[in-house]
Amino acid sequence: QVQLVESGGGFVQPGGSLRLSCTASTDIFPFVVMAWYRQAPGKQRELVAGIYANGQTKYTESAEGRFTISRDNALKTMYLQMNNLKPEDTAVYYCHAKAGWEYWGQGTQVTVAS
């Protein structure tokens, strides 16, 4: 059973930064794609950014230019560097990985407020 554990969430003021980490219980190089999703209260879960095994990255419009996704296969970890955070970035952020089967982490709360 693959487990994904997120960390790095917290409270930050607008304009601040956070780095989220997603560490897997197994090697991550088999994952075709890994991604960060988020879910704000009362809203559906939405994609934030994704990274493929070949290193190609994709971002949603809200994340482009402010967030950076990366993965370190040796450390079995995926990251999301979030800069210039806005109140609308407040959500629970989830790690997702796909390699045939799909796996989800338990989520980490990010709160952006004055």
PDB file of N, CA and C in Angstrom:
ATOM      1  N   GLN A   1       0.842  -1.178   0.000  1.00  0.00           N
ATOM      2  CA  GLN A   1       0.000   0.000   0.000  1.00  0.00           C
ATOM      3  C   GLN A   1       0.891   1.248   0.000  1.00  0.00           C
ATOM      4  N   VAL A   2       0.726   2.073  -1.018  1.00  0.00           N
ATOM      5  CA  VAL A   2       1.502   3.305  -1.114  1.00  0.00           C
ATOM      6  C   VAL A   2       0.863   4.361  -0.236  1.00  0.00           C
ATOM      7  N   GLN A   3       1.686   5.040   0.538  1.00  0.00           N
ATOM      8  CA  GLN A   3       1.195   6.147   1.354  1.00  0.00           C
ATOM      9  C   GLN A   3       1.891   7.433   0.933  1.00  0.00           C
ATOM     10  N   LEU A   4       1.121   8.490   0.870  1.00  0.00           N
ATOM     11  CA  LEU A   4       1.634   9.821   0.563  1.00  0.00           C
ATOM     12  C   LEU A   4       1.366  10.706   1.773  1.00  0.00           C
ATOM     13  N   VAL A   5       2.392  11.386   2.247  1.00  0.00           N
ATOM     14  CA  VAL A   5       2.248  12.222   3.436  1.00  0.00           C
ATOM     15  C   VAL A   5       2.671  13.640   3.102  1.00  0.00           C
ATOM     16  N   GLU A   6       1.720  14.567   3.215  1.00  0.00           N
ATOM     17  CA  GLU A   6       2.003  15.976   2.972  1.00  0.00           C
ATOM     18  C   GLU A   6       2.464  16.655   4.250  1.00  0.00           C
ATOM     19  N   SER A   7       3.247  17.694   4.089  1.00  0.00           N
ATOM     20  CA  SER A   7       3.675  18.529   5.203  1.00  0.00           C
ATOM     21  C   SER A   7       4.007  19.913   4.670  1.00  0.00           C
ATOM     22  N   GLY A   8       4.169  20.860   5.583  1.00  0.00           N
ATOM     23  CA  GLY A   8       4.578  22.196   5.188  1.00  0.00           C
ATOM     24  C   GLY A   8       3.479  23.226   5.162  1.00  0.00           C
ATOM     25  N   GLY A   9       2.254  22.799   5.389  1.00  0.00           N
ATOM     26  CA  GLY A   9       1.166  23.760   5.432  1.00  0.00           C
ATOM     27  C   GLY A   9       1.234  24.628   6.674  1.00  0.00           C
ATOM     28  N   GLY A  10       0.393  25.646   6.707  1.00  0.00           N
ATOM     29  CA  GLY A  10       0.376  26.515   7.869  1.00  0.00           C
ATOM     30  C   GLY A  10      -0.334  27.809   7.586  1.00  0.00           C
ATOM     31  N   PHE A  11      -0.100  28.765   8.463  1.00  0.00           N
ATOM     32  CA  PHE A  11      -0.709  30.086   8.357  1.00  0.00           C
ATOM     33  C   PHE A  11       0.345  31.061   7.854  1.00  0.00           C
ATOM     34  N   VAL A  12      -0.042  31.872   6.876  1.00  0.00           N
ATOM     35  CA  VAL A  12       0.885  32.856   6.335  1.00  0.00           C
ATOM     36  C   VAL A  12       0.109  34.099   5.928  1.00  0.00           C
ATOM     37  N   GLN A  13       0.737  35.238   5.999  1.00  0.00           N
ATOM     38  CA  GLN A  13       0.097  36.476   5.582  1.00  0.00           C
ATOM     39  C   GLN A  13       0.151  36.618   4.064  1.00  0.00           C
ATOM     40  N   PRO A  14      -0.750  37.389   3.493  1.00  0.00           N
ATOM     41  CA  PRO A  14      -0.714  37.625   2.041  1.00  0.00           C
ATOM     42  C   PRO A  14       0.659  38.117   1.606  1.00  0.00           C
ATOM     43  N   GLY A  15       1.132  37.581   0.500  1.00  0.00           N
ATOM     44  CA  GLY A  15       2.460  37.915   0.011  1.00  0.00           C
ATOM     45  C   GLY A  15       3.550  36.997   0.523  1.00  0.00           C
ATOM     46  N   GLY A  16       3.209  36.156   1.482  1.00  0.00           N
ATOM     47  CA  GLY A  16       4.189  35.242   2.047  1.00  0.00           C
ATOM     48  C   GLY A  16       4.397  33.995   1.212  1.00  0.00           C
ATOM     49  N   SER A  17       5.250  33.104   1.715  1.00  0.00           N
ATOM     50  CA  SER A  17       5.601  31.888   0.990  1.00  0.00           C
ATOM     51  C   SER A  17       5.496  30.662   1.896  1.00  0.00           C
ATOM     52  N   LEU A  18       5.232  29.547   1.267  1.00  0.00           N
ATOM     53  CA  LEU A  18       5.260  28.253   1.932  1.00  0.00           C
ATOM     54  C   LEU A  18       5.802  27.221   0.958  1.00  0.00           C
ATOM     55  N   ARG A  19       6.420  26.185   1.491  1.00  0.00           N
ATOM     56  CA  ARG A  19       6.823  25.061   0.646  1.00  0.00           C
ATOM     57  C   ARG A  19       6.177  23.789   1.180  1.00  0.00           C
ATOM     58  N   LEU A  20       5.361  23.193   0.359  1.00  0.00           N
ATOM     59  CA  LEU A  20       4.719  21.934   0.712  1.00  0.00           C
ATOM     60  C   LEU A  20       5.582  20.766   0.244  1.00  0.00           C
ATOM     61  N   SER A  21       5.550  19.709   1.028  1.00  0.00           N
ATOM     62  CA  SER A  21       6.266  18.484   0.659  1.00  0.00           C
ATOM     63  C   SER A  21       5.292  17.311   0.662  1.00  0.00           C
ATOM     64  N   CYS A  22       5.537  16.382  -0.221  1.00  0.00           N
ATOM     65  CA  CYS A  22       4.759  15.144  -0.280  1.00  0.00           C
ATOM     66  C   CYS A  22       5.757  14.000  -0.352  1.00  0.00           C
ATOM     67  N   THR A  23       5.831  13.233   0.710  1.00  0.00           N
ATOM     68  CA  THR A  23       6.784  12.133   0.767  1.00  0.00           C
ATOM     69  C   THR A  23       6.054  10.805   0.645  1.00  0.00           C
ATOM     70  N   ALA A  24       6.564   9.958  -0.249  1.00  0.00           N
ATOM     71  CA  ALA A  24       5.932   8.666  -0.506  1.00  0.00           C
ATOM     72  C   ALA A  24       6.612   7.557   0.292  1.00  0.00           C
ATOM     73  N   SER A  25       5.836   6.518   0.543  1.00  0.00           N
ATOM     74  CA  SER A  25       6.365   5.375   1.286  1.00  0.00           C
ATOM     75  C   SER A  25       7.110   4.411   0.363  1.00  0.00           C
ATOM     76  N   THR A  26       7.135   4.754  -0.935  1.00  0.00           N
ATOM     77  CA  THR A  26       7.815   3.916  -1.903  1.00  0.00           C
ATOM     78  C   THR A  26       8.522   4.795  -2.919  1.00  0.00           C
ATOM     79  N   ASP A  27       9.302   4.204  -3.791  1.00  0.00           N
ATOM     80  CA  ASP A  27       9.958   4.976  -4.842  1.00  0.00           C
ATOM     81  C   ASP A  27       8.921   5.691  -5.700  1.00  0.00           C
ATOM     82  N   ILE A  28       9.240   6.906  -6.097  1.00  0.00           N
ATOM     83  CA  ILE A  28       8.270   7.681  -6.868  1.00  0.00           C
ATOM     84  C   ILE A  28       8.560   7.683  -8.358  1.00  0.00           C
ATOM     85  N   PHE A  29       9.713   7.134  -8.768  1.00  0.00           N
ATOM     86  CA  PHE A  29      10.022   7.212 -10.195  1.00  0.00           C
ATOM     87  C   PHE A  29       9.021   6.449 -11.058  1.00  0.00           C
ATOM     88  N   PRO A  30       8.321   5.438 -10.514  1.00  0.00           N
ATOM     89  CA  PRO A  30       7.317   4.778 -11.366  1.00  0.00           C
ATOM     90  C   PRO A  30       6.062   5.611 -11.609  1.00  0.00           C
ATOM     91  N   PHE A  31       5.889   6.669 -10.810  1.00  0.00           N
ATOM     92  CA  PHE A  31       4.682   7.458 -10.984  1.00  0.00           C
ATOM     93  C   PHE A  31       4.753   8.244 -12.288  1.00  0.00           C
ATOM     94  N   VAL A  32       3.796   8.024 -13.152  1.00  0.00           N
ATOM     95  CA  VAL A  32       3.762   8.706 -14.438  1.00  0.00           C
ATOM     96  C   VAL A  32       3.575  10.202 -14.223  1.00  0.00           C
ATOM     97  N   VAL A  33       2.742  10.531 -13.273  1.00  0.00           N
ATOM     98  CA  VAL A  33       2.492  11.933 -12.968  1.00  0.00           C
ATOM     99  C   VAL A  33       2.222  12.070 -11.477  1.00  0.00           C
ATOM    100  N   MET A  34       2.696  13.155 -10.922  1.00  0.00           N
ATOM    101  CA  MET A  34       2.371  13.539  -9.563  1.00  0.00           C
ATOM    102  C   MET A  34       1.817  14.956  -9.619  1.00  0.00           C
ATOM    103  N   ALA A  35       0.953  15.268  -8.694  1.00  0.00           N
ATOM    104  CA  ALA A  35       0.298  16.565  -8.767  1.00  0.00           C
ATOM    105  C   ALA A  35      -0.134  17.050  -7.392  1.00  0.00           C
ATOM    106  N   TRP A  36      -0.373  18.341  -7.331  1.00  0.00           N
ATOM    107  CA  TRP A  36      -0.973  18.967  -6.157  1.00  0.00           C
ATOM    108  C   TRP A  36      -2.380  19.428  -6.541  1.00  0.00           C
ATOM    109  N   TYR A  37      -3.301  19.094  -5.685  1.00  0.00           N
ATOM    110  CA  TYR A  37      -4.677  19.567  -5.799  1.00  0.00           C
ATOM    111  C   TYR A  37      -4.985  20.364  -4.539  1.00  0.00           C
ATOM    112  N   ARG A  38      -6.052  21.134  -4.579  1.00  0.00           N
ATOM    113  CA  ARG A  38      -6.492  21.835  -3.391  1.00  0.00           C
ATOM    114  C   ARG A  38      -8.012  21.878  -3.352  1.00  0.00           C
ATOM    115  N   GLN A  39      -8.521  22.007  -2.146  1.00  0.00           N
ATOM    116  CA  GLN A  39      -9.963  22.103  -1.960  1.00  0.00           C
ATOM    117  C   GLN A  39     -10.255  23.140  -0.897  1.00  0.00           C
ATOM    118  N   ALA A  40     -10.930  24.184  -1.326  1.00  0.00           N
ATOM    119  CA  ALA A  40     -11.341  25.248  -0.412  1.00  0.00           C
ATOM    120  C   ALA A  40     -12.714  24.893   0.158  1.00  0.00           C
ATOM    121  N   PRO A  41     -13.070  25.466   1.314  1.00  0.00           N
ATOM    122  CA  PRO A  41     -14.372  25.165   1.915  1.00  0.00           C
ATOM    123  C   PRO A  41     -15.518  25.454   0.949  1.00  0.00           C
ATOM    124  N   GLY A  42     -16.392  24.492   0.787  1.00  0.00           N
ATOM    125  CA  GLY A  42     -17.551  24.676  -0.067  1.00  0.00           C
ATOM    126  C   GLY A  42     -17.271  24.576  -1.550  1.00  0.00           C
ATOM    127  N   LYS A  43     -16.049  24.228  -1.914  1.00  0.00           N
ATOM    128  CA  LYS A  43     -15.696  24.143  -3.334  1.00  0.00           C
ATOM    129  C   LYS A  43     -15.199  22.742  -3.675  1.00  0.00           C
ATOM    130  N   GLN A  44     -15.185  22.457  -4.965  1.00  0.00           N
ATOM    131  CA  GLN A  44     -14.686  21.172  -5.418  1.00  0.00           C
ATOM    132  C   GLN A  44     -13.162  21.152  -5.401  1.00  0.00           C
ATOM    133  N   ARG A  45     -12.616  19.971  -5.306  1.00  0.00           N
ATOM    134  CA  ARG A  45     -11.168  19.824  -5.368  1.00  0.00           C
ATOM    135  C   ARG A  45     -10.703  20.204  -6.778  1.00  0.00           C
ATOM    136  N   GLU A  46      -9.611  20.962  -6.847  1.00  0.00           N
ATOM    137  CA  GLU A  46      -9.122  21.414  -8.151  1.00  0.00           C
ATOM    138  C   GLU A  46      -7.629  21.184  -8.267  1.00  0.00           C
ATOM    139  N   LEU A  47      -7.203  20.985  -9.497  1.00  0.00           N
ATOM    140  CA  LEU A  47      -5.787  20.808  -9.785  1.00  0.00           C
ATOM    141  C   LEU A  47      -5.053  22.132  -9.611  1.00  0.00           C
ATOM    142  N   VAL A  48      -3.853  22.061  -9.046  1.00  0.00           N
ATOM    143  CA  VAL A  48      -3.000  23.240  -8.911  1.00  0.00           C
ATOM    144  C   VAL A  48      -1.818  23.146  -9.874  1.00  0.00           C
ATOM    145  N   ALA A  49      -1.105  22.033  -9.807  1.00  0.00           N
ATOM    146  CA  ALA A  49       0.073  21.847 -10.654  1.00  0.00           C
ATOM    147  C   ALA A  49       0.393  20.364 -10.748  1.00  0.00           C
ATOM    148  N   GLY A  50       1.027  19.976 -11.841  1.00  0.00           N
ATOM    149  CA  GLY A  50       1.417  18.587 -12.031  1.00  0.00           C
ATOM    150  C   GLY A  50       2.818  18.479 -12.597  1.00  0.00           C
ATOM    151  N   ILE A  51       3.454  17.344 -12.320  1.00  0.00           N
ATOM    152  CA  ILE A  51       4.793  17.101 -12.849  1.00  0.00           C
ATOM    153  C   ILE A  51       4.868  15.659 -13.319  1.00  0.00           C
ATOM    154  N   TYR A  52       5.368  15.469 -14.546  1.00  0.00           N
ATOM    155  CA  TYR A  52       5.460  14.149 -15.135  1.00  0.00           C
ATOM    156  C   TYR A  52       6.813  13.520 -14.812  1.00  0.00           C
ATOM    157  N   ALA A  53       6.912  12.234 -15.093  1.00  0.00           N
ATOM    158  CA  ALA A  53       8.153  11.509 -14.812  1.00  0.00           C
ATOM    159  C   ALA A  53       9.328  12.090 -15.585  1.00  0.00           C
ATOM    160  N   ASN A  54       9.060  12.678 -16.760  1.00  0.00           N
ATOM    161  CA  ASN A  54      10.151  13.247 -17.555  1.00  0.00           C
ATOM    162  C   ASN A  54      10.504  14.671 -17.119  1.00  0.00           C
ATOM    163  N   GLY A  55       9.835  15.147 -16.072  1.00  0.00           N
ATOM    164  CA  GLY A  55      10.134  16.476 -15.552  1.00  0.00           C
ATOM    165  C   GLY A  55       9.254  17.583 -16.098  1.00  0.00           C
ATOM    166  N   GLN A  56       8.469  17.279 -17.092  1.00  0.00           N
ATOM    167  CA  GLN A  56       7.561  18.290 -17.635  1.00  0.00           C
ATOM    168  C   GLN A  56       6.561  18.713 -16.573  1.00  0.00           C
ATOM    169  N   THR A  57       6.302  20.011 -16.521  1.00  0.00           N
ATOM    170  CA  THR A  57       5.383  20.543 -15.517  1.00  0.00           C
ATOM    171  C   THR A  57       4.216  21.269 -16.181  1.00  0.00           C
ATOM    172  N   LYS A  58       3.127  21.307 -15.450  1.00  0.00           N
ATOM    173  CA  LYS A  58       1.952  22.044 -15.902  1.00  0.00           C
ATOM    174  C   LYS A  58       1.341  22.761 -14.715  1.00  0.00           C
ATOM    175  N   TYR A  59       0.834  23.955 -14.956  1.00  0.00           N
ATOM    176  CA  TYR A  59       0.243  24.761 -13.902  1.00  0.00           C
ATOM    177  C   TYR A  59      -1.111  25.279 -14.348  1.00  0.00           C
ATOM    178  N   THR A  60      -1.983  25.450 -13.374  1.00  0.00           N
ATOM    179  CA  THR A  60      -3.224  26.134 -13.677  1.00  0.00           C
ATOM    180  C   THR A  60      -2.943  27.629 -13.717  1.00  0.00           C
ATOM    181  N   GLU A  61      -3.886  28.350 -14.241  1.00  0.00           N
ATOM    182  CA  GLU A  61      -3.688  29.789 -14.411  1.00  0.00           C
ATOM    183  C   GLU A  61      -3.432  30.466 -13.061  1.00  0.00           C
ATOM    184  N   SER A  62      -4.099  30.008 -12.013  1.00  0.00           N
ATOM    185  CA  SER A  62      -3.944  30.637 -10.699  1.00  0.00           C
ATOM    186  C   SER A  62      -2.561  30.388 -10.109  1.00  0.00           C
ATOM    187  N   ALA A  63      -1.906  29.319 -10.509  1.00  0.00           N
ATOM    188  CA  ALA A  63      -0.603  28.964  -9.957  1.00  0.00           C
ATOM    189  C   ALA A  63       0.558  29.453 -10.810  1.00  0.00           C
ATOM    190  N   GLU A  64       0.309  29.647 -12.082  1.00  0.00           N
ATOM    191  CA  GLU A  64       1.372  30.041 -13.004  1.00  0.00           C
ATOM    192  C   GLU A  64       2.071  31.304 -12.545  1.00  0.00           C
ATOM    193  N   GLY A  65       3.404  31.235 -12.478  1.00  0.00           N
ATOM    194  CA  GLY A  65       4.178  32.405 -12.110  1.00  0.00           C
ATOM    195  C   GLY A  65       4.388  32.603 -10.619  1.00  0.00           C
ATOM    196  N   ARG A  66       3.590  31.893  -9.807  1.00  0.00           N
ATOM    197  CA  ARG A  66       3.738  32.036  -8.354  1.00  0.00           C
ATOM    198  C   ARG A  66       4.171  30.736  -7.684  1.00  0.00           C
ATOM    199  N   PHE A  67       3.742  29.611  -8.245  1.00  0.00           N
ATOM    200  CA  PHE A  67       4.037  28.301  -7.661  1.00  0.00           C
ATOM    201  C   PHE A  67       5.031  27.555  -8.536  1.00  0.00           C
ATOM    202  N   THR A  68       5.848  26.715  -7.890  1.00  0.00           N
ATOM    203  CA  THR A  68       6.785  25.868  -8.609  1.00  0.00           C
ATOM    204  C   THR A  68       6.696  24.448  -8.064  1.00  0.00           C
ATOM    205  N   ILE A  69       6.419  23.522  -8.961  1.00  0.00           N
ATOM    206  CA  ILE A  69       6.348  22.115  -8.566  1.00  0.00           C
ATOM    207  C   ILE A  69       7.645  21.411  -8.958  1.00  0.00           C
ATOM    208  N   SER A  70       8.090  20.505  -8.119  1.00  0.00           N
ATOM    209  CA  SER A  70       9.311  19.759  -8.407  1.00  0.00           C
ATOM    210  C   SER A  70       9.235  18.399  -7.715  1.00  0.00           C
ATOM    211  N   ARG A  71      10.117  17.513  -8.121  1.00  0.00           N
ATOM    212  CA  ARG A  71      10.156  16.189  -7.496  1.00  0.00           C
ATOM    213  C   ARG A  71      11.598  15.735  -7.357  1.00  0.00           C
ATOM    214  N   ASP A  72      11.891  15.050  -6.278  1.00  0.00           N
ATOM    215  CA  ASP A  72      13.215  14.512  -6.029  1.00  0.00           C
ATOM    216  C   ASP A  72      13.052  13.008  -5.855  1.00  0.00           C
ATOM    217  N   ASN A  73      13.363  12.270  -6.894  1.00  0.00           N
ATOM    218  CA  ASN A  73      13.155  10.827  -6.846  1.00  0.00           C
ATOM    219  C   ASN A  73      13.995  10.169  -5.750  1.00  0.00           C
ATOM    220  N   ALA A  74      15.194  10.664  -5.532  1.00  0.00           N
ATOM    221  CA  ALA A  74      16.068  10.062  -4.521  1.00  0.00           C
ATOM    222  C   ALA A  74      15.465  10.192  -3.120  1.00  0.00           C
ATOM    223  N   LEU A  75      14.780  11.304  -2.875  1.00  0.00           N
ATOM    224  CA  LEU A  75      14.170  11.535  -1.571  1.00  0.00           C
ATOM    225  C   LEU A  75      12.712  11.086  -1.534  1.00  0.00           C
ATOM    226  N   LYS A  76      12.224  10.552  -2.649  1.00  0.00           N
ATOM    227  CA  LYS A  76      10.831  10.085  -2.733  1.00  0.00           C
ATOM    228  C   LYS A  76       9.857  11.209  -2.388  1.00  0.00           C
ATOM    229  N   THR A  77      10.170  12.417  -2.805  1.00  0.00           N
ATOM    230  CA  THR A  77       9.405  13.578  -2.373  1.00  0.00           C
ATOM    231  C   THR A  77       9.087  14.508  -3.526  1.00  0.00           C
ATOM    232  N   MET A  78       7.865  15.045  -3.496  1.00  0.00           N
ATOM    233  CA  MET A  78       7.443  16.076  -4.417  1.00  0.00           C
ATOM    234  C   MET A  78       7.234  17.355  -3.611  1.00  0.00           C
ATOM    235  N   TYR A  79       7.497  18.494  -4.250  1.00  0.00           N
ATOM    236  CA  TYR A  79       7.405  19.771  -3.553  1.00  0.00           C
ATOM    237  C   TYR A  79       6.476  20.721  -4.314  1.00  0.00           C
ATOM    238  N   LEU A  80       5.970  21.691  -3.569  1.00  0.00           N
ATOM    239  CA  LEU A  80       5.259  22.810  -4.173  1.00  0.00           C
ATOM    240  C   LEU A  80       5.721  24.064  -3.452  1.00  0.00           C
ATOM    241  N   GLN A  81       6.536  24.835  -4.136  1.00  0.00           N
ATOM    242  CA  GLN A  81       6.965  26.124  -3.604  1.00  0.00           C
ATOM    243  C   GLN A  81       5.907  27.158  -3.981  1.00  0.00           C
ATOM    244  N   MET A  82       5.335  27.790  -2.988  1.00  0.00           N
ATOM    245  CA  MET A  82       4.264  28.762  -3.216  1.00  0.00           C
ATOM    246  C   MET A  82       4.723  30.125  -2.747  1.00  0.00           C
ATOM    247  N   ASN A  83       4.780  31.073  -3.676  1.00  0.00           N
ATOM    248  CA  ASN A  83       5.198  32.443  -3.376  1.00  0.00           C
ATOM    249  C   ASN A  83       4.044  33.398  -3.624  1.00  0.00           C
ATOM    250  N   ASN A  84       4.157  34.579  -3.049  1.00  0.00           N
ATOM    251  CA  ASN A  84       3.142  35.611  -3.229  1.00  0.00           C
ATOM    252  C   ASN A  84       1.738  35.049  -2.977  1.00  0.00           C
ATOM    253  N   LEU A  85       1.591  34.415  -1.862  1.00  0.00           N
ATOM    254  CA  LEU A  85       0.316  33.773  -1.553  1.00  0.00           C
ATOM    255  C   LEU A  85      -0.787  34.794  -1.353  1.00  0.00           C
ATOM    256  N   LYS A  86      -1.990  34.403  -1.750  1.00  0.00           N
ATOM    257  CA  LYS A  86      -3.159  35.255  -1.675  1.00  0.00           C
ATOM    258  C   LYS A  86      -4.218  34.573  -0.808  1.00  0.00           C
ATOM    259  N   PRO A  87      -5.136  35.363  -0.244  1.00  0.00           N
ATOM    260  CA  PRO A  87      -6.197  34.746   0.567  1.00  0.00           C
ATOM    261  C   PRO A  87      -6.971  33.656  -0.193  1.00  0.00           C
ATOM    262  N   GLU A  88      -7.117  33.825  -1.484  1.00  0.00           N
ATOM    263  CA  GLU A  88      -7.852  32.824  -2.259  1.00  0.00           C
ATOM    264  C   GLU A  88      -7.085  31.522  -2.450  1.00  0.00           C
ATOM    265  N   ASP A  89      -5.826  31.487  -1.996  1.00  0.00           N
ATOM    266  CA  ASP A  89      -5.069  30.236  -2.014  1.00  0.00           C
ATOM    267  C   ASP A  89      -5.381  29.374  -0.794  1.00  0.00           C
ATOM    268  N   THR A  90      -6.142  29.910   0.144  1.00  0.00           N
ATOM    269  CA  THR A  90      -6.511  29.163   1.336  1.00  0.00           C
ATOM    270  C   THR A  90      -7.294  27.914   0.964  1.00  0.00           C
ATOM    271  N   ALA A  91      -6.792  26.771   1.407  1.00  0.00           N
ATOM    272  CA  ALA A  91      -7.416  25.492   1.059  1.00  0.00           C
ATOM    273  C   ALA A  91      -6.650  24.364   1.736  1.00  0.00           C
ATOM    274  N   VAL A  92      -7.201  23.184   1.661  1.00  0.00           N
ATOM    275  CA  VAL A  92      -6.451  21.981   2.006  1.00  0.00           C
ATOM    276  C   VAL A  92      -5.771  21.503   0.733  1.00  0.00           C
ATOM    277  N   TYR A  93      -4.473  21.304   0.800  1.00  0.00           N
ATOM    278  CA  TYR A  93      -3.701  20.897  -0.359  1.00  0.00           C
ATOM    279  C   TYR A  93      -3.405  19.397  -0.271  1.00  0.00           C
ATOM    280  N   TYR A  94      -3.686  18.719  -1.379  1.00  0.00           N
ATOM    281  CA  TYR A  94      -3.533  17.276  -1.436  1.00  0.00           C
ATOM    282  C   TYR A  94      -2.485  16.866  -2.465  1.00  0.00           C
ATOM    283  N   CYS A  95      -1.751  15.859  -2.113  1.00  0.00           N
ATOM    284  CA  CYS A  95      -0.780  15.240  -3.016  1.00  0.00           C
ATOM    285  C   CYS A  95      -1.465  14.094  -3.756  1.00  0.00           C
ATOM    286  N   HIS A  96      -1.175  13.969  -5.026  1.00  0.00           N
ATOM    287  CA  HIS A  96      -1.763  12.912  -5.849  1.00  0.00           C
ATOM    288  C   HIS A  96      -0.671  12.274  -6.692  1.00  0.00           C
ATOM    289  N   ALA A  97      -0.738  10.967  -6.832  1.00  0.00           N
ATOM    290  CA  ALA A  97       0.239  10.250  -7.659  1.00  0.00           C
ATOM    291  C   ALA A  97      -0.471   9.163  -8.457  1.00  0.00           C
ATOM    292  N   LYS A  98      -0.008   8.964  -9.673  1.00  0.00           N
ATOM    293  CA  LYS A  98      -0.642   7.989 -10.553  1.00  0.00           C
ATOM    294  C   LYS A  98       0.397   7.118 -11.232  1.00  0.00           C
ATOM    295  N   ALA A  99       0.169   5.813 -11.111  1.00  0.00           N
ATOM    296  CA  ALA A  99       1.006   4.838 -11.822  1.00  0.00           C
ATOM    297  C   ALA A  99       0.143   3.602 -11.999  1.00  0.00           C
ATOM    298  N   GLY A 100      -0.815   3.692 -12.902  1.00  0.00           N
ATOM    299  CA  GLY A 100      -1.812   2.641 -12.956  1.00  0.00           C
ATOM    300  C   GLY A 100      -2.861   2.966 -11.898  1.00  0.00           C
ATOM    301  N   TRP A 101      -2.542   2.608 -10.684  1.00  0.00           N
ATOM    302  CA  TRP A 101      -3.405   3.021  -9.573  1.00  0.00           C
ATOM    303  C   TRP A 101      -3.176   4.506  -9.274  1.00  0.00           C
ATOM    304  N   GLU A 102      -4.156   5.081  -8.554  1.00  0.00           N
ATOM    305  CA  GLU A 102      -4.022   6.458  -8.123  1.00  0.00           C
ATOM    306  C   GLU A 102      -3.967   6.507  -6.603  1.00  0.00           C
ATOM    307  N   TYR A 103      -3.180   7.432  -6.081  1.00  0.00           N
ATOM    308  CA  TYR A 103      -3.005   7.547  -4.638  1.00  0.00           C
ATOM    309  C   TYR A 103      -3.168   9.000  -4.224  1.00  0.00           C
ATOM    310  N   TRP A 104      -3.718   9.179  -3.008  1.00  0.00           N
ATOM    311  CA  TRP A 104      -3.922  10.516  -2.456  1.00  0.00           C
ATOM    312  C   TRP A 104      -3.330  10.586  -1.057  1.00  0.00           C
ATOM    313  N   GLY A 105      -2.816  11.768  -0.710  1.00  0.00           N
ATOM    314  CA  GLY A 105      -2.403  12.017   0.651  1.00  0.00           C
ATOM    315  C   GLY A 105      -3.590  12.483   1.468  1.00  0.00           C
ATOM    316  N   GLN A 106      -3.331  12.751   2.745  1.00  0.00           N
ATOM    317  CA  GLN A 106      -4.409  13.128   3.654  1.00  0.00           C
ATOM    318  C   GLN A 106      -4.682  14.627   3.642  1.00  0.00           C
ATOM    319  N   GLY A 107      -3.783  15.391   3.047  1.00  0.00           N
ATOM    320  CA  GLY A 107      -3.978  16.828   2.931  1.00  0.00           C
ATOM    321  C   GLY A 107      -3.258  17.626   4.000  1.00  0.00           C
ATOM    322  N   THR A 108      -2.931  18.851   3.646  1.00  0.00           N
ATOM    323  CA  THR A 108      -2.313  19.779   4.597  1.00  0.00           C
ATOM    324  C   THR A 108      -2.967  21.137   4.412  1.00  0.00           C
ATOM    325  N   GLN A 109      -3.306  21.774   5.512  1.00  0.00           N
ATOM    326  CA  GLN A 109      -4.059  23.035   5.470  1.00  0.00           C
ATOM    327  C   GLN A 109      -3.113  24.204   5.199  1.00  0.00           C
ATOM    328  N   VAL A 110      -3.522  25.044   4.278  1.00  0.00           N
ATOM    329  CA  VAL A 110      -2.833  26.307   4.010  1.00  0.00           C
ATOM    330  C   VAL A 110      -3.844  27.426   4.227  1.00  0.00           C
ATOM    331  N   THR A 111      -3.490  28.356   5.093  1.00  0.00           N
ATOM    332  CA  THR A 111      -4.364  29.496   5.384  1.00  0.00           C
ATOM    333  C   THR A 111      -3.587  30.776   5.135  1.00  0.00           C
ATOM    334  N   VAL A 112      -4.141  31.619   4.270  1.00  0.00           N
ATOM    335  CA  VAL A 112      -3.522  32.902   3.936  1.00  0.00           C
ATOM    336  C   VAL A 112      -4.465  34.000   4.400  1.00  0.00           C
ATOM    337  N   ALA A 113      -4.016  34.759   5.379  1.00  0.00           N
ATOM    338  CA  ALA A 113      -4.870  35.802   5.950  1.00  0.00           C
ATOM    339  C   ALA A 113      -4.025  36.842   6.652  1.00  0.00           C
ATOM    340  N   SER A 114      -4.601  38.044   6.793  1.00  0.00           N
ATOM    341  CA  SER A 114      -3.885  39.126   7.481  1.00  0.00           C
ATOM    342  C   SER A 114      -3.958  38.941   8.981  1.00  0.00           C
TER     343      SER A 114
END
